Amino acid sequence: MVTEDYISDEDSMEHMEESQTPFNPNPVIEVSLEEYDEWCRPWKQALIVKPLGKNLNLQTMERWINRRWTKKEVVRVMDLVGGYFLVRFSNQEDYSHALFEGPWMIADHYLLVQRWRPLFIPQESEVKRVAVLIRIPNLPAELYNRYFLWKVEKSIGNMLKVDEHTSIHSRGKFARICVEVDLRKKLVTSFSTLGKYFRLEYEGLHLICFNCGRYGHKHDVCPKKIKEAKDRPQSQAATDEQNHRKGENATAAQGQPTTVNTINYFRKDLIAIENPEVMEVAIGTLKESHKHQSGETESDLTAINEESLYGPWMVVKKPQKKIGKN
């Protein structure tokens, strides 16, 4: 007797039902909450990390973590797509040290550190906020106090902490504060107090656009700059014709040379001026002397001031190591 004779009627019916079920290219896998909670439990003491603006391999990341974070027990590191790493701790003290004692930097770039969360998919994640160290050069000694520096931090982003070396006045060249900033917005580049102006310098943020003041791209690929370049040919001809007519009218009325070229000359000089107080005076003078002749608007002159807000001075550069002579 052949094998088929031993197949029961019940098995035969199940086989017929399976063969009649339509093919589903996207089946739904059922998972109970109890099952999922059990699977998540081992990852509750894990961190998701990502070097900001720097691609690192697994071996480099493991060496850095074992040197900086491994104090008590072994730490396991898993590399994910998109430059992310999953760090799983065996010891609560090591976990807390890594999570709360930042900001951390690796190869002069910030290490984004966040708690592990269920259903984390790197491709769907966007770096929105990061804790950064900011320097305030040339701050007067009487302003080296926590109360004033907390005021500055609050005006920049979410307050985190003041560098301990700053708080005890041991670093006279600059003050140093830690602030959580929103990378989707423009960076604050300066502040003024008591009639004085102070610049802000960012540590570890190397991909800053000096055209729009945002993090994530360089000046030559700035979306704002590209958009302005595309829009310029359409409106440039009309603007040039309008300026030309205004210049002719002013010349005919006063017997003086057209002022359009003069205004453009002042613009180039103003953009190069670094001192905002001098710039403010210069812009005021320019507005008074050419307002009735050139038809300059308030927004045009404000744009001059905005262009001078950003520059390479925003990025703290690591000092180059001196090579001794033989």
C-alpha atoms as a PDB file:
ATOM      1  CA  MET A   1       0.000   0.000   0.000  1.00  0.00           C
ATOM      2  CA  VAL A   2       1.338   3.415  -0.901  1.00  0.00           C
ATOM      3  CA  THR A   3       1.841   6.244   1.571  1.00  0.00           C
ATOM      4  CA  GLU A   4      -1.089   8.316   0.304  1.00  0.00           C
ATOM      5  CA  ASP A   5      -3.514   5.682   1.603  1.00  0.00           C
ATOM      6  CA  TYR A   6      -2.581   6.586   5.181  1.00  0.00           C
ATOM      7  CA  ILE A   7      -3.502  10.322   4.891  1.00  0.00           C
ATOM      8  CA  SER A   8      -6.529  11.014   7.074  1.00  0.00           C
ATOM      9  CA  ASP A   9      -9.602  12.806   5.853  1.00  0.00           C
ATOM     10  CA  GLU A  10      -8.933  15.695   8.281  1.00  0.00           C
ATOM     11  CA  ASP A  11      -5.417  16.289   6.920  1.00  0.00           C
ATOM     12  CA  SER A  12      -6.771  16.112   3.427  1.00  0.00           C
ATOM     13  CA  MET A  13      -9.320  18.848   4.167  1.00  0.00           C
ATOM     14  CA  GLU A  14      -6.647  21.144   5.691  1.00  0.00           C
ATOM     15  CA  HIS A  15      -4.476  20.640   2.631  1.00  0.00           C
ATOM     16  CA  MET A  16      -7.368  21.607   0.368  1.00  0.00           C
ATOM     17  CA  GLU A  17      -8.078  24.759   2.402  1.00  0.00           C
ATOM     18  CA  GLU A  18      -4.434  25.860   2.241  1.00  0.00           C
ATOM     19  CA  SER A  19      -4.339  25.360  -1.499  1.00  0.00           C
ATOM     20  CA  GLN A  20      -7.465  27.492  -1.888  1.00  0.00           C
ATOM     21  CA  THR A  21      -6.145  30.399   0.279  1.00  0.00           C
ATOM     22  CA  PRO A  22      -5.062  33.307  -1.990  1.00  0.00           C
ATOM     23  CA  PHE A  23      -1.387  34.288  -1.937  1.00  0.00           C
ATOM     24  CA  ASN A  24      -0.647  37.271   0.340  1.00  0.00           C
ATOM     25  CA  PRO A  25       2.632  39.076  -0.446  1.00  0.00           C
ATOM     26  CA  ASN A  26       2.353  41.120   2.750  1.00  0.00           C
ATOM     27  CA  PRO A  27       1.239  38.864   5.596  1.00  0.00           C
ATOM     28  CA  VAL A  28       0.530  40.292   9.048  1.00  0.00           C
ATOM     29  CA  ILE A  29       2.524  38.681  11.852  1.00  0.00           C
ATOM     30  CA  GLU A  30       0.561  38.681  15.071  1.00  0.00           C
ATOM     31  CA  VAL A  31       2.533  39.523  18.245  1.00  0.00           C
ATOM     32  CA  SER A  32       0.945  39.776  21.679  1.00  0.00           C
ATOM     33  CA  LEU A  33       1.806  42.578  24.098  1.00  0.00           C
ATOM     34  CA  GLU A  34       3.140  40.052  26.578  1.00  0.00           C
ATOM     35  CA  GLU A  35       5.515  38.615  23.998  1.00  0.00           C
ATOM     36  CA  TYR A  36       6.732  42.036  22.861  1.00  0.00           C
ATOM     37  CA  ASP A  37       7.287  43.243  26.420  1.00  0.00           C
ATOM     38  CA  GLU A  38       9.390  40.190  27.141  1.00  0.00           C
ATOM     39  CA  TRP A  39      11.512  40.759  24.035  1.00  0.00           C
ATOM     40  CA  CYS A  40      12.054  44.438  24.923  1.00  0.00           C
ATOM     41  CA  ARG A  41      13.124  43.802  28.502  1.00  0.00           C
ATOM     42  CA  PRO A  42      16.818  43.016  27.750  1.00  0.00           C
ATOM     43  CA  TRP A  43      17.157  46.331  25.859  1.00  0.00           C
ATOM     44  CA  LYS A  44      15.817  48.616  28.585  1.00  0.00           C
ATOM     45  CA  GLN A  45      19.422  49.324  29.628  1.00  0.00           C
ATOM     46  CA  ALA A  46      20.711  50.251  26.178  1.00  0.00           C
ATOM     47  CA  LEU A  47      21.595  53.467  24.360  1.00  0.00           C
ATOM     48  CA  ILE A  48      21.323  54.515  20.725  1.00  0.00           C
ATOM     49  CA  VAL A  49      24.348  56.595  19.709  1.00  0.00           C
ATOM     50  CA  LYS A  50      25.458  58.322  16.529  1.00  0.00           C
ATOM     51  CA  PRO A  51      28.593  60.381  15.768  1.00  0.00           C
ATOM     52  CA  LEU A  52      27.324  63.698  14.424  1.00  0.00           C
ATOM     53  CA  GLY A  53      28.852  64.488  11.029  1.00  0.00           C
ATOM     54  CA  LYS A  54      31.377  61.642  11.208  1.00  0.00           C
ATOM     55  CA  ASN A  55      31.312  58.080   9.850  1.00  0.00           C
ATOM     56  CA  LEU A  56      33.022  55.559  12.131  1.00  0.00           C
ATOM     57  CA  ASN A  57      33.346  51.784  11.880  1.00  0.00           C
ATOM     58  CA  LEU A  58      32.359  49.303  14.569  1.00  0.00           C
ATOM     59  CA  GLN A  59      35.913  48.623  15.768  1.00  0.00           C
ATOM     60  CA  THR A  60      36.642  52.330  16.345  1.00  0.00           C
ATOM     61  CA  MET A  61      33.380  52.770  18.212  1.00  0.00           C
ATOM     62  CA  GLU A  62      33.999  49.725  20.409  1.00  0.00           C
ATOM     63  CA  ARG A  63      37.474  50.931  21.396  1.00  0.00           C
ATOM     64  CA  TRP A  64      36.177  54.379  22.303  1.00  0.00           C
ATOM     65  CA  ILE A  65      33.253  53.017  24.344  1.00  0.00           C
ATOM     66  CA  ASN A  66      35.408  50.516  26.246  1.00  0.00           C
ATOM     67  CA  ARG A  67      37.868  53.290  27.085  1.00  0.00           C
ATOM     68  CA  ARG A  68      35.295  55.899  28.161  1.00  0.00           C
ATOM     69  CA  TRP A  69      32.176  54.069  29.335  1.00  0.00           C
ATOM     70  CA  THR A  70      33.178  50.588  30.492  1.00  0.00           C
ATOM     71  CA  LYS A  71      33.899  50.889  34.222  1.00  0.00           C
ATOM     72  CA  LYS A  72      32.243  47.912  35.897  1.00  0.00           C
ATOM     73  CA  GLU A  73      31.067  45.266  33.430  1.00  0.00           C
ATOM     74  CA  VAL A  74      31.232  44.423  29.749  1.00  0.00           C
ATOM     75  CA  VAL A  75      29.446  46.638  27.207  1.00  0.00           C
ATOM     76  CA  ARG A  76      28.180  45.218  23.916  1.00  0.00           C
ATOM     77  CA  VAL A  77      28.100  47.346  20.750  1.00  0.00           C
ATOM     78  CA  MET A  78      26.056  46.641  17.623  1.00  0.00           C
ATOM     79  CA  ASP A  79      26.322  48.701  14.424  1.00  0.00           C
ATOM     80  CA  LEU A  80      23.110  49.775  12.679  1.00  0.00           C
ATOM     81  CA  VAL A  81      22.458  51.440   9.341  1.00  0.00           C
ATOM     82  CA  GLY A  82      22.735  55.204   8.939  1.00  0.00           C
ATOM     83  CA  GLY A  83      25.784  55.549  11.184  1.00  0.00           C
ATOM     84  CA  TYR A  84      23.907  54.542  14.347  1.00  0.00           C
ATOM     85  CA  PHE A  85      25.182  52.151  17.034  1.00  0.00           C
ATOM     86  CA  LEU A  86      23.272  50.237  19.697  1.00  0.00           C
ATOM     87  CA  VAL A  87      25.140  50.028  23.008  1.00  0.00           C
ATOM     88  CA  ARG A  88      23.880  47.487  25.550  1.00  0.00           C
ATOM     89  CA  PHE A  89      25.023  47.802  29.174  1.00  0.00           C
ATOM     90  CA  SER A  90      25.216  45.135  31.872  1.00  0.00           C
ATOM     91  CA  ASN A  91      25.739  47.600  34.705  1.00  0.00           C
ATOM     92  CA  GLN A  92      23.394  50.417  35.754  1.00  0.00           C
ATOM     93  CA  GLU A  93      26.258  52.650  36.873  1.00  0.00           C
ATOM     94  CA  ASP A  94      27.965  52.412  33.479  1.00  0.00           C
ATOM     95  CA  TYR A  95      24.652  53.112  31.770  1.00  0.00           C
ATOM     96  CA  SER A  96      23.975  56.224  33.863  1.00  0.00           C
ATOM     97  CA  HIS A  97      27.528  57.479  33.348  1.00  0.00           C
ATOM     98  CA  ALA A  98      27.182  57.313  29.555  1.00  0.00           C
ATOM     99  CA  LEU A  99      23.710  58.832  29.526  1.00  0.00           C
ATOM    100  CA  PHE A 100      24.140  61.739  31.933  1.00  0.00           C
ATOM    101  CA  GLU A 101      27.823  62.718  31.972  1.00  0.00           C
ATOM    102  CA  GLY A 102      28.009  64.136  28.445  1.00  0.00           C
ATOM    103  CA  PRO A 103      28.221  65.810  26.106  1.00  0.00           C
ATOM    104  CA  TRP A 104      30.618  63.280  24.589  1.00  0.00           C
ATOM    105  CA  MET A 105      32.921  63.887  21.659  1.00  0.00           C
ATOM    106  CA  ILE A 106      34.737  61.405  19.428  1.00  0.00           C
ATOM    107  CA  ALA A 107      37.279  62.543  16.822  1.00  0.00           C
ATOM    108  CA  ASP A 108      36.250  66.162  17.570  1.00  0.00           C
ATOM    109  CA  HIS A 109      32.606  65.419  16.692  1.00  0.00           C
ATOM    110  CA  TYR A 110      29.628  65.159  19.039  1.00  0.00           C
ATOM    111  CA  LEU A 111      28.250  61.774  19.921  1.00  0.00           C
ATOM    112  CA  LEU A 112      24.470  61.865  19.904  1.00  0.00           C
ATOM    113  CA  VAL A 113      23.294  59.774  22.874  1.00  0.00           C
ATOM    114  CA  GLN A 114      19.684  58.781  23.485  1.00  0.00           C
ATOM    115  CA  ARG A 115      17.839  56.076  25.373  1.00  0.00           C
ATOM    116  CA  TRP A 116      16.855  52.982  23.442  1.00  0.00           C
ATOM    117  CA  ARG A 117      13.215  53.048  22.423  1.00  0.00           C
ATOM    118  CA  PRO A 118      10.967  50.325  20.990  1.00  0.00           C
ATOM    119  CA  LEU A 119      10.615  50.042  17.222  1.00  0.00           C
ATOM    120  CA  PHE A 120      13.600  52.308  16.555  1.00  0.00           C
ATOM    121  CA  ILE A 121      14.250  52.435  12.798  1.00  0.00           C
ATOM    122  CA  PRO A 122      17.333  54.508  11.806  1.00  0.00           C
ATOM    123  CA  GLN A 123      15.950  55.491   8.397  1.00  0.00           C
ATOM    124  CA  GLU A 124      12.933  57.071  10.070  1.00  0.00           C
ATOM    125  CA  SER A 125      14.953  58.943  12.679  1.00  0.00           C
ATOM    126  CA  GLU A 126      15.989  62.580  12.391  1.00  0.00           C
ATOM    127  CA  VAL A 127      18.594  64.262  14.559  1.00  0.00           C
ATOM    128  CA  LYS A 128      16.683  67.220  15.962  1.00  0.00           C
ATOM    129  CA  ARG A 129      18.427  68.296  19.163  1.00  0.00           C
ATOM    130  CA  VAL A 130      21.930  67.845  20.484  1.00  0.00           C
ATOM    131  CA  ALA A 131      23.825  69.013  23.562  1.00  0.00           C
ATOM    132  CA  VAL A 132      26.724  71.219  22.481  1.00  0.00           C
ATOM    133  CA  LEU A 133      29.543  73.060  24.206  1.00  0.00           C
ATOM    134  CA  ILE A 134      29.657  76.771  23.399  1.00  0.00           C
ATOM    135  CA  ARG A 135      32.484  79.181  24.110  1.00  0.00           C
ATOM    136  CA  ILE A 136      32.150  82.871  24.929  1.00  0.00           C
ATOM    137  CA  PRO A 137      35.529  84.509  24.245  1.00  0.00           C
ATOM    138  CA  ASN A 138      36.686  87.663  26.048  1.00  0.00           C
ATOM    139  CA  LEU A 139      33.994  87.581  28.722  1.00  0.00           C
ATOM    140  CA  PRO A 140      34.746  90.084  31.527  1.00  0.00           C
ATOM    141  CA  ALA A 141      35.739  88.502  34.828  1.00  0.00           C
ATOM    142  CA  GLU A 142      32.716  89.842  36.724  1.00  0.00           C
ATOM    143  CA  LEU A 143      30.400  87.963  34.322  1.00  0.00           C
ATOM    144  CA  TYR A 144      32.081  84.610  35.081  1.00  0.00           C
ATOM    145  CA  ASN A 145      29.268  83.538  37.384  1.00  0.00           C
ATOM    146  CA  ARG A 146      26.601  80.861  37.155  1.00  0.00           C
ATOM    147  CA  TYR A 147      23.690  83.263  37.315  1.00  0.00           C
ATOM    148  CA  PHE A 148      24.761  85.273  34.275  1.00  0.00           C
ATOM    149  CA  LEU A 149      25.857  82.214  32.276  1.00  0.00           C
ATOM    150  CA  TRP A 150      22.510  80.541  32.920  1.00  0.00           C
ATOM    151  CA  LYS A 151      20.858  83.647  31.472  1.00  0.00           C
ATOM    152  CA  VAL A 152      22.980  83.266  28.336  1.00  0.00           C
ATOM    153  CA  GLU A 153      22.165  79.551  28.056  1.00  0.00           C
ATOM    154  CA  LYS A 154      18.452  80.207  28.364  1.00  0.00           C
ATOM    155  CA  SER A 155      18.589  82.661  25.445  1.00  0.00           C
ATOM    156  CA  ILE A 156      20.299  80.073  23.210  1.00  0.00           C
ATOM    157  CA  GLY A 157      18.375  76.852  23.941  1.00  0.00           C
ATOM    158  CA  ASN A 158      17.610  74.433  26.741  1.00  0.00           C
ATOM    159  CA  MET A 159      19.942  74.967  29.688  1.00  0.00           C
ATOM    160  CA  LEU A 160      22.065  71.982  30.699  1.00  0.00           C
ATOM    161  CA  LYS A 161      25.168  72.931  32.689  1.00  0.00           C
ATOM    162  CA  VAL A 162      28.115  75.288  33.063  1.00  0.00           C
ATOM    163  CA  ASP A 163      31.624  73.958  32.563  1.00  0.00           C
ATOM    164  CA  GLU A 164      33.178  73.457  36.000  1.00  0.00           C
ATOM    165  CA  HIS A 165      36.453  75.035  34.918  1.00  0.00           C
ATOM    166  CA  THR A 166      34.511  78.141  33.942  1.00  0.00           C
ATOM    167  CA  SER A 167      32.631  78.302  37.240  1.00  0.00           C
ATOM    168  CA  ILE A 168      35.821  78.499  39.318  1.00  0.00           C
ATOM    169  CA  HIS A 169      37.444  81.111  37.056  1.00  0.00           C
ATOM    170  CA  SER A 170      40.297  78.821  36.069  1.00  0.00           C
ATOM    171  CA  ARG A 171      39.860  79.474  32.365  1.00  0.00           C
ATOM    172  CA  GLY A 172      40.352  83.126  31.553  1.00  0.00           C
ATOM    173  CA  LYS A 173      40.357  82.983  27.750  1.00  0.00           C
ATOM    174  CA  PHE A 174      36.706  82.019  27.373  1.00  0.00           C
ATOM    175  CA  ALA A 175      33.621  80.899  29.259  1.00  0.00           C
ATOM    176  CA  ARG A 176      32.177  77.488  28.365  1.00  0.00           C
ATOM    177  CA  ILE A 177      28.548  76.431  28.643  1.00  0.00           C
ATOM    178  CA  CYS A 178      26.551  73.346  27.635  1.00  0.00           C
ATOM    179  CA  VAL A 179      23.259  73.964  25.836  1.00  0.00           C
ATOM    180  CA  GLU A 180      20.798  71.718  24.023  1.00  0.00           C
ATOM    181  CA  VAL A 181      20.182  73.337  20.643  1.00  0.00           C
ATOM    182  CA  ASP A 182      17.630  72.568  17.942  1.00  0.00           C
ATOM    183  CA  LEU A 183      19.555  71.733  14.765  1.00  0.00           C
ATOM    184  CA  ARG A 184      16.478  72.424  12.635  1.00  0.00           C
ATOM    185  CA  LYS A 185      16.715  76.144  13.453  1.00  0.00           C
ATOM    186  CA  LYS A 186      19.308  78.847  12.873  1.00  0.00           C
ATOM    187  CA  LEU A 187      22.141  78.922  15.378  1.00  0.00           C
ATOM    188  CA  VAL A 188      22.458  81.858  17.745  1.00  0.00           C
ATOM    189  CA  THR A 189      25.793  83.483  16.915  1.00  0.00           C
ATOM    190  CA  SER A 190      26.113  86.316  19.447  1.00  0.00           C
ATOM    191  CA  PHE A 191      24.496  88.267  22.260  1.00  0.00           C
ATOM    192  CA  SER A 192      24.835  91.726  23.766  1.00  0.00           C
ATOM    193  CA  THR A 193      24.750  92.859  27.373  1.00  0.00           C
ATOM    194  CA  LEU A 194      25.581  96.063  29.216  1.00  0.00           C
ATOM    195  CA  GLY A 195      26.301  97.769  25.896  1.00  0.00           C
ATOM    196  CA  LYS A 196      28.884  95.161  24.811  1.00  0.00           C
ATOM    197  CA  TYR A 197      28.752  92.540  22.077  1.00  0.00           C
ATOM    198  CA  PHE A 198      29.984  88.949  22.455  1.00  0.00           C
ATOM    199  CA  ARG A 199      30.323  86.223  19.873  1.00  0.00           C
ATOM    200  CA  LEU A 200      29.532  82.536  20.399  1.00  0.00           C
ATOM    201  CA  GLU A 201      31.806  79.751  19.162  1.00  0.00           C
ATOM    202  CA  TYR A 202      30.535  76.173  18.753  1.00  0.00           C
ATOM    203  CA  GLU A 203      32.683  73.158  19.583  1.00  0.00           C
ATOM    204  CA  GLY A 204      32.282  69.994  17.512  1.00  0.00           C
ATOM    205  CA  LEU A 205      29.794  71.421  14.971  1.00  0.00           C
ATOM    206  CA  HIS A 206      31.783  71.457  11.743  1.00  0.00           C
ATOM    207  CA  LEU A 207      28.980  71.391   9.185  1.00  0.00           C
ATOM    208  CA  ILE A 208      27.645  74.927   9.648  1.00  0.00           C
ATOM    209  CA  CYS A 209      26.461  76.986   6.684  1.00  0.00           C
ATOM    210  CA  PHE A 210      27.813  80.538   6.827  1.00  0.00           C
ATOM    211  CA  ASN A 211      25.087  81.685   4.440  1.00  0.00           C
ATOM    212  CA  CYS A 212      21.910  80.731   6.345  1.00  0.00           C
ATOM    213  CA  GLY A 213      23.331  79.909   9.787  1.00  0.00           C
ATOM    214  CA  ARG A 214      21.974  76.360   9.945  1.00  0.00           C
ATOM    215  CA  TYR A 215      23.706  73.069  10.686  1.00  0.00           C
ATOM    216  CA  GLY A 216      23.826  70.214   8.168  1.00  0.00           C
ATOM    217  CA  HIS A 217      25.319  71.624   4.964  1.00  0.00           C
ATOM    218  CA  LYS A 218      28.066  73.873   3.669  1.00  0.00           C
ATOM    219  CA  HIS A 219      27.786  77.333   2.142  1.00  0.00           C
ATOM    220  CA  ASP A 220      28.240  76.182  -1.466  1.00  0.00           C
ATOM    221  CA  VAL A 221      25.247  73.794  -1.293  1.00  0.00           C
ATOM    222  CA  CYS A 222      22.984  76.010   0.823  1.00  0.00           C
ATOM    223  CA  PRO A 223      19.320  75.529  -0.244  1.00  0.00           C
ATOM    224  CA  LYS A 224      18.632  79.214   0.419  1.00  0.00           C
ATOM    225  CA  LYS A 225      21.543  80.267  -1.769  1.00  0.00           C
ATOM    226  CA  ILE A 226      20.533  77.898  -4.577  1.00  0.00           C
ATOM    227  CA  LYS A 227      16.940  79.129  -4.479  1.00  0.00           C
ATOM    228  CA  GLU A 228      18.059  82.755  -4.599  1.00  0.00           C
ATOM    229  CA  ALA A 229      20.294  81.975  -7.579  1.00  0.00           C
ATOM    230  CA  LYS A 230      17.372  80.395  -9.432  1.00  0.00           C
ATOM    231  CA  ASP A 231      15.028  83.297  -8.668  1.00  0.00           C
ATOM    232  CA  ARG A 232      17.558  86.016  -9.485  1.00  0.00           C
ATOM    233  CA  PRO A 233      17.490  85.816 -13.332  1.00  0.00           C
ATOM    234  CA  GLN A 234      13.729  86.380 -13.365  1.00  0.00           C
ATOM    235  CA  SER A 235      13.741  89.516 -11.257  1.00  0.00           C
ATOM    236  CA  GLN A 236      17.226  90.882 -11.936  1.00  0.00           C
ATOM    237  CA  ALA A 237      16.301  92.631 -15.191  1.00  0.00           C
ATOM    238  CA  ALA A 238      13.325  94.429 -13.642  1.00  0.00           C
ATOM    239  CA  THR A 239      15.380  95.443 -10.592  1.00  0.00           C
ATOM    240  CA  ASP A 240      18.239  96.792 -12.701  1.00  0.00           C
ATOM    241  CA  GLU A 241      15.841  98.816 -14.837  1.00  0.00           C
ATOM    242  CA  GLN A 242      14.127 100.226 -11.745  1.00  0.00           C
ATOM    243  CA  ASN A 243      17.435 101.222 -10.146  1.00  0.00           C
ATOM    244  CA  HIS A 244      18.610 102.775 -13.388  1.00  0.00           C
ATOM    245  CA  ARG A 245      15.518 104.990 -13.634  1.00  0.00           C
ATOM    246  CA  LYS A 246      15.786 106.060  -9.992  1.00  0.00           C
ATOM    247  CA  GLY A 247      19.412 106.968 -10.537  1.00  0.00           C
ATOM    248  CA  GLU A 248      18.575 109.057 -13.593  1.00  0.00           C
ATOM    249  CA  ASN A 249      15.828 110.907 -11.710  1.00  0.00           C
ATOM    250  CA  ALA A 250      18.136 111.705  -8.799  1.00  0.00           C
ATOM    251  CA  THR A 251      20.852 112.934 -11.157  1.00  0.00           C
ATOM    252  CA  ALA A 252      18.475 115.173 -13.064  1.00  0.00           C
ATOM    253  CA  ALA A 253      17.035 116.670  -9.859  1.00  0.00           C
ATOM    254  CA  GLN A 254      20.307 117.388  -8.059  1.00  0.00           C
ATOM    255  CA  GLY A 255      22.892 117.501 -10.794  1.00  0.00           C
ATOM    256  CA  GLN A 256      24.889 114.770  -9.074  1.00  0.00           C
ATOM    257  CA  PRO A 257      26.149 111.391 -10.332  1.00  0.00           C
ATOM    258  CA  THR A 258      23.818 108.435  -9.936  1.00  0.00           C
ATOM    259  CA  THR A 259      23.988 106.847  -6.472  1.00  0.00           C
ATOM    260  CA  VAL A 260      23.290 103.229  -7.410  1.00  0.00           C
ATOM    261  CA  ASN A 261      26.957 102.307  -7.754  1.00  0.00           C
ATOM    262  CA  THR A 262      27.749 104.141  -4.540  1.00  0.00           C
ATOM    263  CA  ILE A 263      25.192 102.097  -2.633  1.00  0.00           C
ATOM    264  CA  ASN A 264      26.563  98.861  -4.024  1.00  0.00           C
ATOM    265  CA  TYR A 265      30.037  99.980  -2.981  1.00  0.00           C
ATOM    266  CA  PHE A 266      28.856 100.622   0.583  1.00  0.00           C
ATOM    267  CA  ARG A 267      27.163  97.222   0.667  1.00  0.00           C
ATOM    268  CA  LYS A 268      30.382  95.380  -0.091  1.00  0.00           C
ATOM    269  CA  ASP A 269      32.201  97.292   2.607  1.00  0.00           C
ATOM    270  CA  LEU A 270      29.438  96.769   5.169  1.00  0.00           C
ATOM    271  CA  ILE A 271      29.361  93.026   4.664  1.00  0.00           C
ATOM    272  CA  ALA A 272      33.081  92.878   5.408  1.00  0.00           C
ATOM    273  CA  ILE A 273      32.726  94.819   8.671  1.00  0.00           C
ATOM    274  CA  GLU A 274      32.914  92.467  11.639  1.00  0.00           C
ATOM    275  CA  ASN A 275      32.097  94.867  14.473  1.00  0.00           C
ATOM    276  CA  PRO A 276      28.280  95.071  14.677  1.00  0.00           C
ATOM    277  CA  GLU A 277      28.384  98.412  16.499  1.00  0.00           C
ATOM    278  CA  VAL A 278      30.350  99.943  13.645  1.00  0.00           C
ATOM    279  CA  MET A 279      27.999  98.240  11.214  1.00  0.00           C
ATOM    280  CA  GLU A 280      24.954  99.711  12.952  1.00  0.00           C
ATOM    281  CA  VAL A 281      26.358 103.229  12.698  1.00  0.00           C
ATOM    282  CA  ALA A 282      27.390 102.683   9.090  1.00  0.00           C
ATOM    283  CA  ILE A 283      23.987 101.346   8.102  1.00  0.00           C
ATOM    284  CA  GLY A 284      22.308 104.294   9.804  1.00  0.00           C
ATOM    285  CA  THR A 285      24.515 106.730   7.909  1.00  0.00           C
ATOM    286  CA  LEU A 286      23.847 104.935   4.666  1.00  0.00           C
ATOM    287  CA  LYS A 287      20.106 104.990   5.245  1.00  0.00           C
ATOM    288  CA  GLU A 288      20.038 108.736   5.897  1.00  0.00           C
ATOM    289  CA  SER A 289      22.261 109.713   2.974  1.00  0.00           C
ATOM    290  CA  HIS A 290      20.656 107.555   0.286  1.00  0.00           C
ATOM    291  CA  LYS A 291      17.126 106.881   1.453  1.00  0.00           C
ATOM    292  CA  HIS A 292      15.454 109.554  -0.670  1.00  0.00           C
ATOM    293  CA  GLN A 293      17.645 108.903  -3.714  1.00  0.00           C
ATOM    294  CA  SER A 294      17.874 105.137  -4.071  1.00  0.00           C
ATOM    295  CA  GLY A 295      14.583 103.984  -2.590  1.00  0.00           C
ATOM    296  CA  GLU A 296      16.364 101.429  -0.363  1.00  0.00           C
ATOM    297  CA  THR A 297      13.941  99.554   1.898  1.00  0.00           C
ATOM    298  CA  GLU A 298      14.380  98.546   5.517  1.00  0.00           C
ATOM    299  CA  SER A 299      14.511  94.841   4.532  1.00  0.00           C
ATOM    300  CA  ASP A 300      17.391  95.477   2.093  1.00  0.00           C
ATOM    301  CA  LEU A 301      19.542  97.028   4.804  1.00  0.00           C
ATOM    302  CA  THR A 302      18.569  94.362   7.342  1.00  0.00           C
ATOM    303  CA  ALA A 303      19.806  91.715   4.898  1.00  0.00           C
ATOM    304  CA  ILE A 304      23.236  93.342   4.950  1.00  0.00           C
ATOM    305  CA  ASN A 305      23.394  92.921   8.711  1.00  0.00           C
ATOM    306  CA  GLU A 306      22.201  89.287   8.562  1.00  0.00           C
ATOM    307  CA  GLU A 307      24.891  88.286   6.074  1.00  0.00           C
ATOM    308  CA  SER A 308      27.584  89.392   8.508  1.00  0.00           C
ATOM    309  CA  LEU A 309      26.198  87.280  11.374  1.00  0.00           C
ATOM    310  CA  TYR A 310      27.800  84.027  10.219  1.00  0.00           C
ATOM    311  CA  GLY A 311      31.375  83.083   9.456  1.00  0.00           C
ATOM    312  CA  PRO A 312      34.206  80.585  10.097  1.00  0.00           C
ATOM    313  CA  TRP A 313      34.744  82.095  13.534  1.00  0.00           C
ATOM    314  CA  MET A 314      31.593  80.235  14.687  1.00  0.00           C
ATOM    315  CA  VAL A 315      33.453  76.895  14.554  1.00  0.00           C
ATOM    316  CA  VAL A 316      36.098  76.110  17.174  1.00  0.00           C
ATOM    317  CA  LYS A 317      39.093  74.548  15.478  1.00  0.00           C
ATOM    318  CA  LYS A 318      41.384  72.147  17.277  1.00  0.00           C
ATOM    319  CA  PRO A 319      44.894  73.564  17.725  1.00  0.00           C
ATOM    320  CA  GLN A 320      47.370  71.922  15.411  1.00  0.00           C
ATOM    321  CA  LYS A 321      50.063  69.874  17.066  1.00  0.00           C
ATOM    322  CA  LYS A 322      53.478  71.404  16.822  1.00  0.00           C
ATOM    323  CA  ILE A 323      56.069  69.189  15.242  1.00  0.00           C
ATOM    324  CA  GLY A 324      59.379  69.508  17.028  1.00  0.00           C
ATOM    325  CA  LYS A 325      62.479  70.152  15.040  1.00  0.00           C
ATOM    326  CA  ASN A 326      65.150  67.496  15.028  1.00  0.00           C
END
